[in-house]
PDB file of N, CA and C in Angstrom:
ATOM      1  N   UNK A   1      -4.847  15.395  -7.138  1.00  0.00           N
ATOM      2  CA  UNK A   1      -4.403  14.369  -6.220  1.00  0.00           C
ATOM      3  C   UNK A   1      -3.605  13.346  -7.023  1.00  0.00           C
ATOM      4  N   UNK A   2      -2.373  13.122  -6.607  1.00  0.00           N
ATOM      5  CA  UNK A   2      -1.498  12.167  -7.275  1.00  0.00           C
ATOM      6  C   UNK A   2      -1.788  10.777  -6.729  1.00  0.00           C
ATOM      7  N   UNK A   3      -2.091   9.853  -7.633  1.00  0.00           N
ATOM      8  CA  UNK A   3      -2.439   8.496  -7.202  1.00  0.00           C
ATOM      9  C   UNK A   3      -1.512   7.483  -7.846  1.00  0.00           C
ATOM     10  N   UNK A   4      -1.239   6.432  -7.137  1.00  0.00           N
ATOM     11  CA  UNK A   4      -0.442   5.334  -7.672  1.00  0.00           C
ATOM     12  C   UNK A   4      -1.299   4.090  -7.587  1.00  0.00           C
ATOM     13  N   UNK A   5      -1.376   3.356  -8.690  1.00  0.00           N
ATOM     14  CA  UNK A   5      -2.211   2.155  -8.732  1.00  0.00           C
ATOM     15  C   UNK A   5      -1.317   0.940  -8.877  1.00  0.00           C
ATOM     16  N   UNK A   6      -1.489  -0.051  -8.039  1.00  0.00           N
ATOM     17  CA  UNK A   6      -0.748  -1.304  -8.199  1.00  0.00           C
ATOM     18  C   UNK A   6      -1.670  -2.486  -7.963  1.00  0.00           C
ATOM     19  N   UNK A   7      -1.318  -3.597  -8.563  1.00  0.00           N
ATOM     20  CA  UNK A   7      -2.148  -4.797  -8.511  1.00  0.00           C
ATOM     21  C   UNK A   7      -2.304  -5.268  -7.069  1.00  0.00           C
ATOM     22  N   UNK A   8      -3.519  -5.553  -6.688  1.00  0.00           N
ATOM     23  CA  UNK A   8      -3.844  -5.874  -5.306  1.00  0.00           C
ATOM     24  C   UNK A   8      -4.222  -7.343  -5.141  1.00  0.00           C
ATOM     25  N   UNK A   9      -4.049  -8.139  -6.198  1.00  0.00           N
ATOM     26  CA  UNK A   9      -4.487  -9.533  -6.133  1.00  0.00           C
ATOM     27  C   UNK A   9      -3.822 -10.333  -5.041  1.00  0.00           C
ATOM     28  N   UNK A  10      -2.525 -10.130  -4.837  1.00  0.00           N
ATOM     29  CA  UNK A  10      -1.795 -10.966  -3.898  1.00  0.00           C
ATOM     30  C   UNK A  10      -2.039 -10.600  -2.437  1.00  0.00           C
ATOM     31  N   UNK A  11      -2.738  -9.525  -2.199  1.00  0.00           N
ATOM     32  CA  UNK A  11      -2.979  -9.093  -0.820  1.00  0.00           C
ATOM     33  C   UNK A  11      -4.414  -9.378  -0.402  1.00  0.00           C
ATOM     34  N   UNK A  12      -4.595 -10.030   0.694  1.00  0.00           N
ATOM     35  CA  UNK A  12      -5.904 -10.181   1.329  1.00  0.00           C
ATOM     36  C   UNK A  12      -7.006 -10.498   0.331  1.00  0.00           C
ATOM     37  N   UNK A  13      -6.932 -11.647  -0.299  1.00  0.00           N
ATOM     38  CA  UNK A  13      -7.903 -12.024  -1.323  1.00  0.00           C
ATOM     39  C   UNK A  13      -9.348 -11.882  -0.832  1.00  0.00           C
ATOM     40  N   UNK A  14      -9.619 -12.332   0.370  1.00  0.00           N
ATOM     41  CA  UNK A  14     -10.980 -12.186   0.878  1.00  0.00           C
ATOM     42  C   UNK A  14     -10.950 -11.410   2.178  1.00  0.00           C
ATOM     43  N   UNK A  15     -10.527 -10.181   2.088  1.00  0.00           N
ATOM     44  CA  UNK A  15     -10.445  -9.357   3.296  1.00  0.00           C
ATOM     45  C   UNK A  15     -11.662  -8.465   3.381  1.00  0.00           C
ATOM     46  N   UNK A  16     -12.652  -8.898   4.113  1.00  0.00           N
ATOM     47  CA  UNK A  16     -13.826  -8.065   4.339  1.00  0.00           C
ATOM     48  C   UNK A  16     -13.623  -7.179   5.544  1.00  0.00           C
ATOM     49  N   UNK A  17     -12.516  -7.394   6.262  1.00  0.00           N
ATOM     50  CA  UNK A  17     -12.270  -6.644   7.483  1.00  0.00           C
ATOM     51  C   UNK A  17     -11.514  -5.344   7.242  1.00  0.00           C
ATOM     52  N   UNK A  18     -11.165  -5.041   5.949  1.00  0.00           N
ATOM     53  CA  UNK A  18     -10.422  -3.819   5.675  1.00  0.00           C
ATOM     54  C   UNK A  18     -11.320  -2.612   5.896  1.00  0.00           C
ATOM     55  N   UNK A  19     -10.846  -1.678   6.686  1.00  0.00           N
ATOM     56  CA  UNK A  19     -11.618  -0.483   6.980  1.00  0.00           C
ATOM     57  C   UNK A  19     -11.190   0.638   6.039  1.00  0.00           C
ATOM     58  N   UNK A  20     -12.080   1.615   5.833  1.00  0.00           N
ATOM     59  CA  UNK A  20     -11.766   2.761   4.991  1.00  0.00           C
ATOM     60  C   UNK A  20     -10.678   3.596   5.656  1.00  0.00           C
ATOM     61  N   UNK A  21      -9.679   3.974   4.866  1.00  0.00           N
ATOM     62  CA  UNK A  21      -8.578   4.786   5.363  1.00  0.00           C
ATOM     63  C   UNK A  21      -8.454   5.989   4.427  1.00  0.00           C
ATOM     64  N   UNK A  22      -8.296   7.179   4.981  1.00  0.00           N
ATOM     65  CA  UNK A  22      -8.168   8.379   4.167  1.00  0.00           C
ATOM     66  C   UNK A  22      -7.003   8.244   3.204  1.00  0.00           C
ATOM     67  N   UNK A  23      -7.242   8.568   1.919  1.00  0.00           N
ATOM     68  CA  UNK A  23      -6.185   8.527   0.925  1.00  0.00           C
ATOM     69  C   UNK A  23      -5.939   7.170   0.314  1.00  0.00           C
ATOM     70  N   UNK A  24      -6.718   6.165   0.702  1.00  0.00           N
ATOM     71  CA  UNK A  24      -6.567   4.815   0.143  1.00  0.00           C
ATOM     72  C   UNK A  24      -7.939   4.344  -0.313  1.00  0.00           C
ATOM     73  N   UNK A  25      -8.026   3.981  -1.605  1.00  0.00           N
ATOM     74  CA  UNK A  25      -9.294   3.507  -2.169  1.00  0.00           C
ATOM     75  C   UNK A  25      -9.060   2.175  -2.858  1.00  0.00           C
ATOM     76  N   UNK A  26     -10.047   1.304  -2.788  1.00  0.00           N
ATOM     77  CA  UNK A  26      -9.973  -0.005  -3.402  1.00  0.00           C
ATOM     78  C   UNK A  26     -10.859  -0.041  -4.641  1.00  0.00           C
ATOM     79  N   UNK A  27     -10.405  -0.722  -5.676  1.00  0.00           N
ATOM     80  CA  UNK A  27     -11.194  -0.944  -6.876  1.00  0.00           C
ATOM     81  C   UNK A  27     -11.459  -2.435  -6.951  1.00  0.00           C
ATOM     82  N   UNK A  28     -12.707  -2.779  -7.225  1.00  0.00           N
ATOM     83  CA  UNK A  28     -13.098  -4.190  -7.238  1.00  0.00           C
ATOM     84  C   UNK A  28     -13.240  -4.714  -8.658  1.00  0.00           C
ATOM     85  N   UNK A  29     -13.063  -6.015  -8.787  1.00  0.00           N
ATOM     86  CA  UNK A  29     -13.264  -6.696 -10.064  1.00  0.00           C
ATOM     87  C   UNK A  29     -14.767  -6.790 -10.318  1.00  0.00           C
ATOM     88  N   UNK A  30     -15.150  -7.186 -11.543  1.00  0.00           N
ATOM     89  CA  UNK A  30     -16.587  -7.368 -11.807  1.00  0.00           C
ATOM     90  C   UNK A  30     -17.253  -8.379 -10.874  1.00  0.00           C
ATOM     91  N   UNK A  31     -16.458  -9.313 -10.323  1.00  0.00           N
ATOM     92  CA  UNK A  31     -17.009 -10.293  -9.380  1.00  0.00           C
ATOM     93  C   UNK A  31     -17.088  -9.756  -7.960  1.00  0.00           C
ATOM     94  N   UNK A  32     -16.589  -8.530  -7.747  1.00  0.00           N
ATOM     95  CA  UNK A  32     -16.658  -7.924  -6.423  1.00  0.00           C
ATOM     96  C   UNK A  32     -15.433  -8.138  -5.559  1.00  0.00           C
ATOM     97  N   UNK A  33     -14.401  -8.779  -6.101  1.00  0.00           N
ATOM     98  CA  UNK A  33     -13.167  -8.981  -5.337  1.00  0.00           C
ATOM     99  C   UNK A  33     -12.304  -7.725  -5.404  1.00  0.00           C
ATOM    100  N   UNK A  34     -11.638  -7.407  -4.306  1.00  0.00           N
ATOM    101  CA  UNK A  34     -10.726  -6.271  -4.306  1.00  0.00           C
ATOM    102  C   UNK A  34      -9.551  -6.592  -5.213  1.00  0.00           C
ATOM    103  N   UNK A  35      -9.306  -5.740  -6.195  1.00  0.00           N
ATOM    104  CA  UNK A  35      -8.294  -6.023  -7.212  1.00  0.00           C
ATOM    105  C   UNK A  35      -7.161  -5.013  -7.186  1.00  0.00           C
ATOM    106  N   UNK A  36      -7.448  -3.760  -6.991  1.00  0.00           N
ATOM    107  CA  UNK A  36      -6.437  -2.708  -6.983  1.00  0.00           C
ATOM    108  C   UNK A  36      -6.633  -1.815  -5.770  1.00  0.00           C
ATOM    109  N   UNK A  37      -5.540  -1.214  -5.374  1.00  0.00           N
ATOM    110  CA  UNK A  37      -5.613  -0.208  -4.318  1.00  0.00           C
ATOM    111  C   UNK A  37      -4.964   1.057  -4.870  1.00  0.00           C
ATOM    112  N   UNK A  38      -5.604   2.184  -4.644  1.00  0.00           N
ATOM    113  CA  UNK A  38      -5.054   3.476  -5.071  1.00  0.00           C
ATOM    114  C   UNK A  38      -4.590   4.204  -3.814  1.00  0.00           C
ATOM    115  N   UNK A  39      -3.332   4.619  -3.837  1.00  0.00           N
ATOM    116  CA  UNK A  39      -2.733   5.271  -2.678  1.00  0.00           C
ATOM    117  C   UNK A  39      -2.430   6.720  -3.049  1.00  0.00           C
ATOM    118  N   UNK A  40      -2.941   7.657  -2.276  1.00  0.00           N
ATOM    119  CA  UNK A  40      -2.674   9.068  -2.495  1.00  0.00           C
ATOM    120  C   UNK A  40      -1.242   9.362  -2.063  1.00  0.00           C
ATOM    121  N   UNK A  41      -0.360   9.600  -3.047  1.00  0.00           N
ATOM    122  CA  UNK A  41       1.047   9.830  -2.722  1.00  0.00           C
ATOM    123  C   UNK A  41       1.288  11.182  -2.086  1.00  0.00           C
ATOM    124  N   UNK A  42       0.354  12.115  -2.238  1.00  0.00           N
ATOM    125  CA  UNK A  42       0.489  13.385  -1.515  1.00  0.00           C
ATOM    126  C   UNK A  42       0.386  13.141  -0.009  1.00  0.00           C
ATOM    127  N   UNK A  43      -0.396  12.130   0.371  1.00  0.00           N
ATOM    128  CA  UNK A  43      -0.554  11.801   1.794  1.00  0.00           C
ATOM    129  C   UNK A  43       0.484  10.795   2.279  1.00  0.00           C
ATOM    130  N   UNK A  44       0.804   9.801   1.432  1.00  0.00           N
ATOM    131  CA  UNK A  44       1.619   8.682   1.880  1.00  0.00           C
ATOM    132  C   UNK A  44       2.930   8.527   1.126  1.00  0.00           C
ATOM    133  N   UNK A  45       3.287   9.477   0.276  1.00  0.00           N
ATOM    134  CA  UNK A  45       4.473   9.365  -0.557  1.00  0.00           C
ATOM    135  C   UNK A  45       5.775   9.264   0.208  1.00  0.00           C
ATOM    136  N   UNK A  46       5.823   9.763   1.414  1.00  0.00           N
ATOM    137  CA  UNK A  46       7.039   9.723   2.228  1.00  0.00           C
ATOM    138  C   UNK A  46       7.019   8.579   3.236  1.00  0.00           C
ATOM    139  N   UNK A  47       6.097   7.649   3.069  1.00  0.00           N
ATOM    140  CA  UNK A  47       5.946   6.532   3.991  1.00  0.00           C
ATOM    141  C   UNK A  47       6.960   5.440   3.646  1.00  0.00           C
ATOM    142  N   UNK A  48       7.880   5.149   4.550  1.00  0.00           N
ATOM    143  CA  UNK A  48       8.948   4.174   4.296  1.00  0.00           C
ATOM    144  C   UNK A  48       8.396   2.770   4.070  1.00  0.00           C
ATOM    145  N   UNK A  49       7.375   2.387   4.802  1.00  0.00           N
ATOM    146  CA  UNK A  49       6.789   1.056   4.631  1.00  0.00           C
ATOM    147  C   UNK A  49       6.180   0.918   3.232  1.00  0.00           C
ATOM    148  N   UNK A  50       5.486   1.947   2.757  1.00  0.00           N
ATOM    149  CA  UNK A  50       4.917   1.916   1.413  1.00  0.00           C
ATOM    150  C   UNK A  50       6.033   1.852   0.373  1.00  0.00           C
ATOM    151  N   UNK A  51       7.088   2.637   0.558  1.00  0.00           N
ATOM    152  CA  UNK A  51       8.232   2.596  -0.367  1.00  0.00           C
ATOM    153  C   UNK A  51       8.834   1.201  -0.418  1.00  0.00           C
ATOM    154  N   UNK A  52       9.011   0.574   0.731  1.00  0.00           N
ATOM    155  CA  UNK A  52       9.574  -0.774   0.785  1.00  0.00           C
ATOM    156  C   UNK A  52       8.660  -1.774   0.064  1.00  0.00           C
ATOM    157  N   UNK A  53       7.358  -1.643   0.282  1.00  0.00           N
ATOM    158  CA  UNK A  53       6.397  -2.527  -0.361  1.00  0.00           C
ATOM    159  C   UNK A  53       6.457  -2.381  -1.876  1.00  0.00           C
ATOM    160  N   UNK A  54       6.492  -1.142  -2.372  1.00  0.00           N
ATOM    161  CA  UNK A  54       6.559  -0.902  -3.815  1.00  0.00           C
ATOM    162  C   UNK A  54       7.885  -1.395  -4.390  1.00  0.00           C
ATOM    163  N   UNK A  55       8.967  -1.253  -3.616  1.00  0.00           N
ATOM    164  CA  UNK A  55      10.260  -1.790  -4.051  1.00  0.00           C
ATOM    165  C   UNK A  55      10.187  -3.305  -4.206  1.00  0.00           C
ATOM    166  N   UNK A  56       9.508  -3.982  -3.284  1.00  0.00           N
ATOM    167  CA  UNK A  56       9.378  -5.438  -3.358  1.00  0.00           C
ATOM    168  C   UNK A  56       8.566  -5.856  -4.587  1.00  0.00           C
ATOM    169  N   UNK A  57       7.548  -5.082  -4.934  1.00  0.00           N
ATOM    170  CA  UNK A  57       6.768  -5.367  -6.140  1.00  0.00           C
ATOM    171  C   UNK A  57       7.671  -5.241  -7.364  1.00  0.00           C
ATOM    172  N   UNK A  58       8.501  -4.196  -7.400  1.00  0.00           N
ATOM    173  CA  UNK A  58       9.426  -3.990  -8.517  1.00  0.00           C
ATOM    174  C   UNK A  58      10.443  -5.126  -8.603  1.00  0.00           C
ATOM    175  N   UNK A  59      10.970  -5.535  -7.463  1.00  0.00           N
ATOM    176  CA  UNK A  59      11.939  -6.638  -7.429  1.00  0.00           C
ATOM    177  C   UNK A  59      11.296  -7.915  -7.956  1.00  0.00           C
ATOM    178  N   UNK A  60      10.087  -8.205  -7.517  1.00  0.00           N
ATOM    179  CA  UNK A  60       9.394  -9.419  -7.968  1.00  0.00           C
ATOM    180  C   UNK A  60       9.131  -9.370  -9.467  1.00  0.00           C
ATOM    181  N   UNK A  61       8.783  -8.198  -9.988  1.00  0.00           N
ATOM    182  CA  UNK A  61       8.520  -8.055 -11.428  1.00  0.00           C
ATOM    183  C   UNK A  61       9.780  -8.298 -12.252  1.00  0.00           C
ATOM    184  N   UNK A  62      10.951  -8.032 -11.665  1.00  0.00           N
ATOM    185  CA  UNK A  62      12.212  -8.204 -12.382  1.00  0.00           C
ATOM    186  C   UNK A  62      12.836  -9.585 -12.158  1.00  0.00           C
ATOM    187  N   UNK A  63      12.179 -10.423 -11.400  1.00  0.00           N
ATOM    188  CA  UNK A  63      12.679 -11.763 -11.119  1.00  0.00           C
ATOM    189  C   UNK A  63      12.883 -12.520 -12.425  1.00  0.00           C
ATOM    190  N   UNK A  64      14.048 -13.107 -12.583  1.00  0.00           N
ATOM    191  CA  UNK A  64      14.341 -13.873 -13.781  1.00  0.00           C
ATOM    192  C   UNK A  64      15.035 -13.081 -14.875  1.00  0.00           C
ATOM    193  N   UNK A  65      15.128 -11.753 -14.718  1.00  0.00           N
ATOM    194  CA  UNK A  65      15.852 -10.959 -15.708  1.00  0.00           C
ATOM    195  C   UNK A  65      17.343 -11.258 -15.590  1.00  0.00           C
ATOM    196  N   UNK A  66      18.080 -11.122 -16.685  1.00  0.00           N
ATOM    197  CA  UNK A  66      19.523 -11.373 -16.598  1.00  0.00           C
ATOM    198  C   UNK A  66      20.212 -10.344 -15.701  1.00  0.00           C
ATOM    199  N   UNK A  67      21.279 -10.783 -15.056  1.00  0.00           N
ATOM    200  CA  UNK A  67      22.077  -9.880 -14.223  1.00  0.00           C
ATOM    201  C   UNK A  67      23.485  -9.804 -14.796  1.00  0.00           C
ATOM    202  N   UNK A  68      24.165  -8.716 -14.489  1.00  0.00           N
ATOM    203  CA  UNK A  68      25.512  -8.493 -15.002  1.00  0.00           C
ATOM    204  C   UNK A  68      26.411  -8.045 -13.858  1.00  0.00           C
ATOM    205  N   UNK A  69      27.648  -8.520 -13.837  1.00  0.00           N
ATOM    206  CA  UNK A  69      28.577  -8.088 -12.791  1.00  0.00           C
ATOM    207  C   UNK A  69      28.830  -6.574 -12.887  1.00  0.00           C
ATOM    208  N   UNK A  70      28.938  -5.941 -11.746  1.00  0.00           N
ATOM    209  CA  UNK A  70      29.142  -4.497 -11.671  1.00  0.00           C
ATOM    210  C   UNK A  70      30.360  -4.070 -12.490  1.00  0.00           C
ATOM    211  N   UNK A  71      31.469  -4.786 -12.332  1.00  0.00           N
ATOM    212  CA  UNK A  71      32.705  -4.426 -13.041  1.00  0.00           C
ATOM    213  C   UNK A  71      32.500  -4.459 -14.557  1.00  0.00           C
ATOM    214  N   UNK A  72      31.760  -5.452 -15.037  1.00  0.00           N
ATOM    215  CA  UNK A  72      31.490  -5.572 -16.470  1.00  0.00           C
ATOM    216  C   UNK A  72      30.673  -4.377 -16.976  1.00  0.00           C
ATOM    217  N   UNK A  73      29.670  -3.984 -16.215  1.00  0.00           N
ATOM    218  CA  UNK A  73      28.827  -2.845 -16.588  1.00  0.00           C
ATOM    219  C   UNK A  73      29.648  -1.557 -16.585  1.00  0.00           C
ATOM    220  N   UNK A  74      30.461  -1.360 -15.548  1.00  0.00           N
ATOM    221  CA  UNK A  74      31.269  -0.147 -15.461  1.00  0.00           C
ATOM    222  C   UNK A  74      32.281  -0.071 -16.608  1.00  0.00           C
ATOM    223  N   UNK A  75      32.920  -1.187 -16.912  1.00  0.00           N
ATOM    224  CA  UNK A  75      33.898  -1.213 -17.996  1.00  0.00           C
ATOM    225  C   UNK A  75      33.226  -0.853 -19.321  1.00  0.00           C
ATOM    226  N   UNK A  76      32.068  -1.439 -19.599  1.00  0.00           N
ATOM    227  CA  UNK A  76      31.336  -1.156 -20.837  1.00  0.00           C
ATOM    228  C   UNK A  76      30.920   0.310 -20.910  1.00  0.00           C
ATOM    229  N   UNK A  77      30.493   0.866 -19.785  1.00  0.00           N
ATOM    230  CA  UNK A  77      30.067   2.280 -19.773  1.00  0.00           C
ATOM    231  C   UNK A  77      31.249   3.212 -20.005  1.00  0.00           C
ATOM    232  N   UNK A  78      32.372   2.928 -19.377  1.00  0.00           N
ATOM    233  CA  UNK A  78      33.564   3.751 -19.594  1.00  0.00           C
ATOM    234  C   UNK A  78      33.992   3.678 -21.056  1.00  0.00           C
ATOM    235  N   UNK A  79      33.986   2.472 -21.619  1.00  0.00           N
ATOM    236  CA  UNK A  79      34.355   2.313 -23.031  1.00  0.00           C
ATOM    237  C   UNK A  79      33.390   3.060 -23.933  1.00  0.00           C
ATOM    238  N   UNK A  80      32.113   3.021 -23.623  1.00  0.00           N
ATOM    239  CA  UNK A  80      31.105   3.723 -24.412  1.00  0.00           C
ATOM    240  C   UNK A  80      31.369   5.224 -24.427  1.00  0.00           C
ATOM    241  N   UNK A  81      31.863   5.730 -23.316  1.00  0.00           N
ATOM    242  CA  UNK A  81      32.163   7.166 -23.195  1.00  0.00           C
ATOM    243  C   UNK A  81      33.577   7.511 -23.662  1.00  0.00           C
ATOM    244  N   UNK A  82      34.328   6.506 -24.091  1.00  0.00           N
ATOM    245  CA  UNK A  82      35.683   6.758 -24.556  1.00  0.00           C
ATOM    246  C   UNK A  82      36.665   7.019 -23.441  1.00  0.00           C
ATOM    247  N   UNK A  83      36.386   6.493 -22.258  1.00  0.00           N
ATOM    248  CA  UNK A  83      37.260   6.683 -21.096  1.00  0.00           C
ATOM    249  C   UNK A  83      37.973   5.382 -20.767  1.00  0.00           C
ATOM    250  N   UNK A  84      39.050   5.510 -20.017  1.00  0.00           N
ATOM    251  CA  UNK A  84      39.797   4.318 -19.592  1.00  0.00           C
ATOM    252  C   UNK A  84      39.324   3.923 -18.204  1.00  0.00           C
ATOM    253  N   UNK A  85      39.008   2.646 -18.044  1.00  0.00           N
ATOM    254  CA  UNK A  85      38.517   2.148 -16.762  1.00  0.00           C
ATOM    255  C   UNK A  85      39.643   1.446 -16.034  1.00  0.00           C
ATOM    256  N   UNK A  86      40.068   2.010 -14.907  1.00  0.00           N
ATOM    257  CA  UNK A  86      41.129   1.434 -14.075  1.00  0.00           C
ATOM    258  C   UNK A  86      40.560   1.051 -12.729  1.00  0.00           C
ATOM    259  N   UNK A  87      40.693  -0.211 -12.395  1.00  0.00           N
ATOM    260  CA  UNK A  87      40.183  -0.681 -11.099  1.00  0.00           C
ATOM    261  C   UNK A  87      41.317  -0.713 -10.103  1.00  0.00           C
TER     262      UNK A  87
END
């Protein structure tokens, strides 16, 4: 069973109303708080809402990283490959 684990702290800190769902398991901290959720990707891997949620986690993790203009990146890549970049 393929599982994906992501930090669950920001979701439902005190959610006692969460019901058991097939393919989704919660891991608790030593204090008993829900900390992680494991999602069976064989069951939910094609779920668009889950994909969007995981994309948002990735975006948040990259917040504050430097950004580069597309043209600058393309020009550098073409030069690296020894090609001429014409826009």
